[in-house]
Structures are given as structure tokens and as C-alpha cells.
Amino acid sequence: MNIDYLQKEIIPQREKEIEEGKNAATSQPIYVVLDLSENFVSEHSEYTGLTNLRGWPMEFGYIDESLDSEYREFSQTDKKMKEPVAVTKFYTDRIVAFFLTSKAAHEYLEYQKHNLHSGYVYVFHSGYRNIEMDTLLSGK
């Protein structure tokens, strides 16, 4: 670990961002780049065991089973399909990367956007009374 970089670059940047209110967490913010993965389940279901933090809703629709899997496309209507199968499309979050500063997370999101379906930055916290993280980031 580059302690000099942590003390001179990361800690001051975090402190500045926290003072400016750029953290949405109450304790030791961790900036996570998430990407939404598109998933399908057969039939029309409103089961919400897996969700996404963006709150994108589920969609009911169809795929054409007569096509090879790489050519199947989701459609909200079964018209023009030879073998329509009812499906529910839903999204789940996939953790891509995490950062100690908001700036680094947003820079990563910008230069990796071509690799992401619908990437975004979400702020988590390192956990209540996480002594290791508190000690590391306090600079003491």
C-alpha cells in the first residue's frame, strides 16, 4: 500500500468531499460503481427477491423461442413471434469497482462507460464502528 499517496492525496480529497456534502452516507463513505444486469425469468412474475438500487421496474413481455439464444430479443408484445414465451425482465446490481473518493469513482465511470450497460455511482458506508477503516482513514 502506498501510504504516502493515501495520506497526501486520498485522505485530503475525502475530507474535502465530505465537507462539501458529496457523500450520501453517515459514516466513512465508500463509493461503488454499480452496473445494472438485465435478467429474465420465465412467466410473468412480480417476485422481487433481487432488486436494483436505481429502482428500475420489472417488465412483462415475450421472447421468441424459435430463434437461437443470441438472436432472441425481449418484446412487450408477442406479435410476429413463432414461439412466444412469456418472461419477466428485471435488473440486478453488479459491483464493478469501489473507491475512497467520489472523484475517482466518477472518473472511472466516465472512462469505462463503454463497458457498462447502465453504470452509476452509489455511496455505501464502511460499517458502524469499523475500527479498521476508521483508523486507516483518520490518518492517525
C-alpha atoms as a PDB file:
ATOM      1  CA  MET A   1       0.000   0.000   0.000  1.00  0.00           C
ATOM      2  CA  ASN A   2       1.290   3.446  -0.897  1.00  0.00           C
ATOM      3  CA  ILE A   3       0.902   5.194   2.482  1.00  0.00           C
ATOM      4  CA  ASP A   4       2.303   8.473   1.155  1.00  0.00           C
ATOM      5  CA  TYR A   5      -0.346   8.565  -1.606  1.00  0.00           C
ATOM      6  CA  LEU A   6      -3.072   7.707   0.899  1.00  0.00           C
ATOM      7  CA  GLN A   7      -2.009  10.473   3.305  1.00  0.00           C
ATOM      8  CA  LYS A   8      -1.264  13.204   0.765  1.00  0.00           C
ATOM      9  CA  GLU A   9      -3.874  12.563  -1.915  1.00  0.00           C
ATOM     10  CA  ILE A  10      -6.742  10.307  -0.854  1.00  0.00           C
ATOM     11  CA  ILE A  11      -7.401  11.465   2.734  1.00  0.00           C
ATOM     12  CA  PRO A  12      -7.444  15.204   1.888  1.00  0.00           C
ATOM     13  CA  GLN A  13      -9.706  14.559  -1.137  1.00  0.00           C
ATOM     14  CA  ARG A  14     -12.123  12.520   1.013  1.00  0.00           C
ATOM     15  CA  GLU A  15     -12.178  15.197   3.723  1.00  0.00           C
ATOM     16  CA  LYS A  16     -12.908  17.894   1.129  1.00  0.00           C
ATOM     17  CA  GLU A  17     -15.719  15.862  -0.467  1.00  0.00           C
ATOM     18  CA  ILE A  18     -17.277  15.090   2.910  1.00  0.00           C
ATOM     19  CA  GLU A  19     -17.145  18.787   3.904  1.00  0.00           C
ATOM     20  CA  GLU A  20     -18.831  19.676   0.607  1.00  0.00           C
ATOM     21  CA  GLY A  21     -21.580  17.120   1.304  1.00  0.00           C
ATOM     22  CA  LYS A  22     -20.652  14.827  -1.597  1.00  0.00           C
ATOM     23  CA  ASN A  23     -21.197  11.733   0.498  1.00  0.00           C
ATOM     24  CA  ALA A  24     -24.629  10.238   0.957  1.00  0.00           C
ATOM     25  CA  ALA A  25     -23.552   8.043   3.868  1.00  0.00           C
ATOM     26  CA  THR A  26     -23.226   8.879   7.524  1.00  0.00           C
ATOM     27  CA  SER A  27     -20.017   7.022   8.296  1.00  0.00           C
ATOM     28  CA  GLN A  28     -16.884   6.560   6.177  1.00  0.00           C
ATOM     29  CA  PRO A  29     -18.362   6.657   2.654  1.00  0.00           C
ATOM     30  CA  ILE A  30     -17.276   4.076   0.099  1.00  0.00           C
ATOM     31  CA  TYR A  31     -18.084   5.000  -3.498  1.00  0.00           C
ATOM     32  CA  VAL A  32     -19.151   1.974  -5.506  1.00  0.00           C
ATOM     33  CA  VAL A  33     -19.570   1.791  -9.271  1.00  0.00           C
ATOM     34  CA  LEU A  34     -22.528  -0.451  -9.997  1.00  0.00           C
ATOM     35  CA  ASP A  35     -23.877  -1.682 -13.302  1.00  0.00           C
ATOM     36  CA  LEU A  36     -27.348  -2.996 -13.975  1.00  0.00           C
ATOM     37  CA  SER A  37     -27.515  -6.512 -15.382  1.00  0.00           C
ATOM     38  CA  GLU A  38     -30.549  -7.476 -17.429  1.00  0.00           C
ATOM     39  CA  ASN A  39     -32.129 -10.766 -16.276  1.00  0.00           C
ATOM     40  CA  PHE A  40     -35.102 -12.842 -17.353  1.00  0.00           C
ATOM     41  CA  VAL A  41     -37.319 -15.303 -15.549  1.00  0.00           C
ATOM     42  CA  SER A  42     -39.931 -17.440 -17.285  1.00  0.00           C
ATOM     43  CA  GLU A  43     -43.583 -16.493 -16.983  1.00  0.00           C
ATOM     44  CA  HIS A  44     -44.920 -13.209 -15.658  1.00  0.00           C
ATOM     45  CA  SER A  45     -43.903 -12.837 -12.043  1.00  0.00           C
ATOM     46  CA  GLU A  46     -43.829  -9.998  -9.559  1.00  0.00           C
ATOM     47  CA  TYR A  47     -41.337 -11.743  -7.292  1.00  0.00           C
ATOM     48  CA  THR A  48     -38.901  -9.097  -6.106  1.00  0.00           C
ATOM     49  CA  GLY A  49     -36.248 -11.093  -4.272  1.00  0.00           C
ATOM     50  CA  LEU A  50     -33.492  -9.400  -6.258  1.00  0.00           C
ATOM     51  CA  THR A  51     -33.661  -5.684  -6.852  1.00  0.00           C
ATOM     52  CA  ASN A  52     -31.596  -2.806  -8.083  1.00  0.00           C
ATOM     53  CA  LEU A  53     -30.704   0.350  -6.213  1.00  0.00           C
ATOM     54  CA  ARG A  54     -31.846   2.516  -9.106  1.00  0.00           C
ATOM     55  CA  GLY A  55     -35.343   1.146  -8.759  1.00  0.00           C
ATOM     56  CA  TRP A  56     -35.828   0.173 -12.392  1.00  0.00           C
ATOM     57  CA  PRO A  57     -39.148  -1.674 -12.611  1.00  0.00           C
ATOM     58  CA  MET A  58     -39.725  -5.178 -13.888  1.00  0.00           C
ATOM     59  CA  GLU A  59     -41.254  -5.537 -17.344  1.00  0.00           C
ATOM     60  CA  PHE A  60     -43.538  -8.263 -18.618  1.00  0.00           C
ATOM     61  CA  GLY A  61     -43.034  -9.401 -22.182  1.00  0.00           C
ATOM     62  CA  TYR A  62     -42.016 -12.194 -24.505  1.00  0.00           C
ATOM     63  CA  ILE A  63     -39.069 -13.788 -26.244  1.00  0.00           C
ATOM     64  CA  ASP A  64     -39.208 -15.956 -29.355  1.00  0.00           C
ATOM     65  CA  GLU A  65     -38.064 -19.494 -28.520  1.00  0.00           C
ATOM     66  CA  SER A  66     -37.834 -20.340 -32.237  1.00  0.00           C
ATOM     67  CA  LEU A  67     -34.686 -18.187 -32.505  1.00  0.00           C
ATOM     68  CA  ASP A  68     -31.204 -19.111 -31.332  1.00  0.00           C
ATOM     69  CA  SER A  69     -30.482 -17.517 -27.949  1.00  0.00           C
ATOM     70  CA  GLU A  70     -28.143 -14.834 -29.321  1.00  0.00           C
ATOM     71  CA  TYR A  71     -30.942 -13.578 -31.611  1.00  0.00           C
ATOM     72  CA  ARG A  72     -33.753 -13.526 -29.056  1.00  0.00           C
ATOM     73  CA  GLU A  73     -34.979 -10.072 -28.189  1.00  0.00           C
ATOM     74  CA  PHE A  74     -37.330  -9.012 -25.453  1.00  0.00           C
ATOM     75  CA  SER A  75     -40.609  -7.522 -26.669  1.00  0.00           C
ATOM     76  CA  GLN A  76     -43.708  -6.396 -24.813  1.00  0.00           C
ATOM     77  CA  THR A  77     -45.889  -7.965 -27.462  1.00  0.00           C
ATOM     78  CA  ASP A  78     -45.867 -11.494 -28.864  1.00  0.00           C
ATOM     79  CA  LYS A  79     -46.949 -10.426 -32.340  1.00  0.00           C
ATOM     80  CA  LYS A  80     -44.754 -11.722 -35.183  1.00  0.00           C
ATOM     81  CA  MET A  81     -43.206 -14.393 -32.930  1.00  0.00           C
ATOM     82  CA  LYS A  82     -43.302 -18.041 -33.991  1.00  0.00           C
ATOM     83  CA  GLU A  83     -42.894 -19.467 -30.481  1.00  0.00           C
ATOM     84  CA  PRO A  84     -43.584 -16.710 -27.919  1.00  0.00           C
ATOM     85  CA  VAL A  85     -42.668 -17.450 -24.312  1.00  0.00           C
ATOM     86  CA  ALA A  86     -43.851 -15.188 -21.513  1.00  0.00           C
ATOM     87  CA  VAL A  87     -40.981 -13.731 -19.463  1.00  0.00           C
ATOM     88  CA  THR A  88     -40.327 -11.093 -16.853  1.00  0.00           C
ATOM     89  CA  LYS A  89     -37.325  -8.812 -17.368  1.00  0.00           C
ATOM     90  CA  PHE A  90     -35.703  -7.440 -14.232  1.00  0.00           C
ATOM     91  CA  TYR A  91     -32.445  -5.751 -13.327  1.00  0.00           C
ATOM     92  CA  THR A  92     -29.914  -6.516 -10.619  1.00  0.00           C
ATOM     93  CA  ASP A  93     -26.897  -4.547  -9.496  1.00  0.00           C
ATOM     94  CA  ARG A  94     -23.421  -5.837 -10.216  1.00  0.00           C
ATOM     95  CA  ILE A  95     -20.490  -4.366  -8.294  1.00  0.00           C
ATOM     96  CA  VAL A  96     -17.858  -3.231 -10.774  1.00  0.00           C
ATOM     97  CA  ALA A  97     -15.392  -1.263  -8.627  1.00  0.00           C
ATOM     98  CA  PHE A  98     -15.140   0.704  -5.394  1.00  0.00           C
ATOM     99  CA  PHE A  99     -13.265   3.854  -4.430  1.00  0.00           C
ATOM    100  CA  LEU A 100     -12.394   6.012  -1.463  1.00  0.00           C
ATOM    101  CA  THR A 101     -13.308   9.262  -3.250  1.00  0.00           C
ATOM    102  CA  SER A 102     -16.291  10.367  -5.275  1.00  0.00           C
ATOM    103  CA  LYS A 103     -13.986  11.968  -7.839  1.00  0.00           C
ATOM    104  CA  ALA A 104     -12.182   8.695  -8.590  1.00  0.00           C
ATOM    105  CA  ALA A 105     -15.467   6.773  -8.859  1.00  0.00           C
ATOM    106  CA  HIS A 106     -16.949   9.262 -11.333  1.00  0.00           C
ATOM    107  CA  GLU A 107     -13.736   9.371 -13.378  1.00  0.00           C
ATOM    108  CA  TYR A 108     -13.772   5.562 -13.583  1.00  0.00           C
ATOM    109  CA  LEU A 109     -17.427   5.605 -14.605  1.00  0.00           C
ATOM    110  CA  GLU A 110     -16.620   8.069 -17.384  1.00  0.00           C
ATOM    111  CA  TYR A 111     -13.721   6.150 -18.935  1.00  0.00           C
ATOM    112  CA  GLN A 112     -15.385   2.728 -18.521  1.00  0.00           C
ATOM    113  CA  LYS A 113     -18.885   3.683 -19.715  1.00  0.00           C
ATOM    114  CA  HIS A 114     -18.375   1.812 -22.984  1.00  0.00           C
ATOM    115  CA  ASN A 115     -18.067  -1.422 -20.944  1.00  0.00           C
ATOM    116  CA  LEU A 116     -21.144  -0.813 -18.783  1.00  0.00           C
ATOM    117  CA  HIS A 117     -24.821  -1.382 -19.572  1.00  0.00           C
ATOM    118  CA  SER A 118     -26.075   1.327 -17.252  1.00  0.00           C
ATOM    119  CA  GLY A 119     -23.335   2.157 -14.776  1.00  0.00           C
ATOM    120  CA  TYR A 120     -23.710   4.563 -11.900  1.00  0.00           C
ATOM    121  CA  VAL A 121     -22.034   5.547  -8.624  1.00  0.00           C
ATOM    122  CA  TYR A 122     -23.713   4.628  -5.358  1.00  0.00           C
ATOM    123  CA  VAL A 123     -22.457   5.537  -1.886  1.00  0.00           C
ATOM    124  CA  PHE A 124     -22.246   2.859   0.776  1.00  0.00           C
ATOM    125  CA  HIS A 125     -20.634   3.186   4.177  1.00  0.00           C
ATOM    126  CA  SER A 126     -17.865   1.051   5.590  1.00  0.00           C
ATOM    127  CA  GLY A 127     -19.993  -0.060   8.517  1.00  0.00           C
ATOM    128  CA  TYR A 128     -20.824   1.118  12.006  1.00  0.00           C
ATOM    129  CA  ARG A 129     -17.765   1.109  14.274  1.00  0.00           C
ATOM    130  CA  ASN A 130     -15.493  -0.348  11.611  1.00  0.00           C
ATOM    131  CA  ILE A 131     -12.358   0.233  13.658  1.00  0.00           C
ATOM    132  CA  GLU A 132     -10.005  -0.813  10.875  1.00  0.00           C
ATOM    133  CA  MET A 133     -11.472   1.644   8.364  1.00  0.00           C
ATOM    134  CA  ASP A 134     -11.839   4.405  10.954  1.00  0.00           C
ATOM    135  CA  THR A 135      -8.178   4.026  11.948  1.00  0.00           C
ATOM    136  CA  LEU A 136      -6.957   3.823   8.350  1.00  0.00           C
ATOM    137  CA  LEU A 137      -8.817   6.926   7.232  1.00  0.00           C
ATOM    138  CA  SER A 138      -8.274   9.046  10.332  1.00  0.00           C
ATOM    139  CA  GLY A 139      -4.618   9.488   9.392  1.00  0.00           C
ATOM    140  CA  LYS A 140      -3.520   8.675  12.951  1.00  0.00           C
END
